[in-house]
Amino acid sequence: MLLFVSTDRRHAENTPFTIELLETIDDDLDKVEAHLVKTSDLSAAEEYGLLESIPTIVFFENGIPSLYNGKEAIFRIIIFINSFLKAEF
């Protein structure tokens, strides 16, 4: 899971909220063998066409990227991980 963040004021408004929310599920990410990588590398964000939608999470499942941005999308990721954990354990 890649989290694109930026210190640019245009993009920084939701960044603290996004990071805080993801840190609450950090232990759960370890359980599903998912790793969270935070980057502010705008060239990488540009590669995925994300320059206008930072912060954005790129969630890779079986090597296939899915893009999530906005608070609702982050909650969907949390729900997905929690449902996966319930199915596994």
Protein backbone atom coordinates (compact mmCIF):
# COMPACT_ATOMS: atom_id res chain seq x y z
CA MET A 1 0.00 0.00 0.00
CA LEU A 2 1.46 3.30 -1.08
CA LEU A 3 0.37 6.59 0.41
CA PHE A 4 1.23 9.65 -1.67
CA VAL A 5 1.49 12.78 0.44
CA SER A 6 2.64 16.31 -0.24
CA THR A 7 3.72 19.32 1.75
CA ASP A 8 2.17 21.56 -0.89
CA ARG A 9 -0.69 23.52 0.71
CA ARG A 10 -3.04 22.55 -2.12
CA HIS A 11 -2.71 18.89 -1.13
CA ALA A 12 -1.84 18.97 2.55
CA GLU A 13 -5.29 19.60 4.03
CA ASN A 14 -6.35 15.93 4.34
CA THR A 15 -2.88 14.45 4.73
CA PRO A 16 -2.72 14.44 8.57
CA PHE A 17 -6.17 12.83 8.78
CA THR A 18 -5.21 10.15 6.26
CA ILE A 19 -1.95 9.31 8.00
CA GLU A 20 -3.59 9.22 11.42
CA LEU A 21 -6.32 6.90 10.18
CA LEU A 22 -3.88 4.52 8.53
CA GLU A 23 -1.70 4.40 11.62
CA THR A 24 -4.70 3.10 13.57
CA ILE A 25 -4.72 -0.01 11.37
CA ASP A 26 -0.96 -0.44 11.11
CA ASP A 27 -0.98 -3.63 13.23
CA ASP A 28 -3.80 -5.04 11.12
CA LEU A 29 -1.83 -4.31 7.96
CA ASP A 30 0.99 -6.44 9.34
CA LYS A 31 -1.45 -9.31 9.96
CA VAL A 32 -2.52 -9.32 6.30
CA GLU A 33 1.10 -8.91 5.18
CA ALA A 34 0.43 -5.45 3.78
CA HIS A 35 2.99 -2.73 4.16
CA LEU A 36 2.35 0.98 4.21
CA VAL A 37 4.87 3.14 2.39
CA LYS A 38 4.52 6.92 2.60
CA THR A 39 6.13 8.97 -0.14
CA SER A 40 6.16 12.55 -1.28
CA ASP A 41 7.90 11.66 -4.55
CA LEU A 42 5.79 13.64 -6.99
CA SER A 43 7.34 11.92 -10.00
CA ALA A 44 5.93 8.62 -8.72
CA ALA A 45 2.55 10.28 -8.11
CA GLU A 46 2.66 11.64 -11.64
CA GLU A 47 3.28 8.13 -12.99
CA TYR A 48 -0.10 7.10 -11.56
CA GLY A 49 -1.78 10.36 -12.61
CA LEU A 50 -2.27 11.49 -9.02
CA LEU A 51 -0.84 14.99 -8.91
CA GLU A 52 -4.25 16.61 -8.50
CA SER A 53 -5.63 14.12 -5.96
CA ILE A 54 -3.07 13.92 -3.17
CA PRO A 55 -3.29 12.40 -0.59
CA THR A 56 -4.07 9.17 -2.40
CA ILE A 57 -3.56 5.56 -1.45
CA VAL A 58 -2.52 3.04 -4.06
CA PHE A 59 -3.51 -0.39 -2.76
CA PHE A 60 -1.92 -3.28 -4.61
CA GLU A 61 -3.80 -6.56 -4.52
CA ASN A 62 -2.07 -9.36 -6.40
CA GLY A 63 0.06 -6.72 -8.12
CA ILE A 64 -2.95 -4.79 -9.42
CA PRO A 65 -3.14 -1.16 -8.23
CA SER A 66 -6.38 0.37 -7.01
CA LEU A 67 -6.50 4.09 -6.30
CA TYR A 68 -8.24 5.49 -3.24
CA ASN A 69 -8.54 9.12 -2.28
CA GLY A 70 -10.88 10.97 -0.01
CA LYS A 71 -12.13 10.04 3.44
CA GLU A 72 -14.78 7.59 2.20
CA ALA A 73 -12.19 5.63 0.25
CA ILE A 74 -9.92 5.34 3.27
CA PHE A 75 -12.81 3.99 5.32
CA ARG A 76 -13.48 1.42 2.56
CA ILE A 77 -9.88 0.21 2.88
CA ILE A 78 -10.27 -0.14 6.63
CA ILE A 79 -13.50 -2.10 6.18
CA PHE A 80 -11.83 -4.34 3.58
CA ILE A 81 -8.89 -5.12 5.87
CA ASN A 82 -11.16 -5.78 8.85
CA SER A 83 -13.38 -8.12 6.81
CA PHE A 84 -10.30 -9.92 5.50
CA LEU A 85 -9.03 -10.40 9.07
CA LYS A 86 -12.38 -11.80 10.20
CA ALA A 87 -12.35 -14.31 7.34
CA GLU A 88 -8.77 -15.39 8.07
CA PHE A 89 -8.94 -15.66 11.85
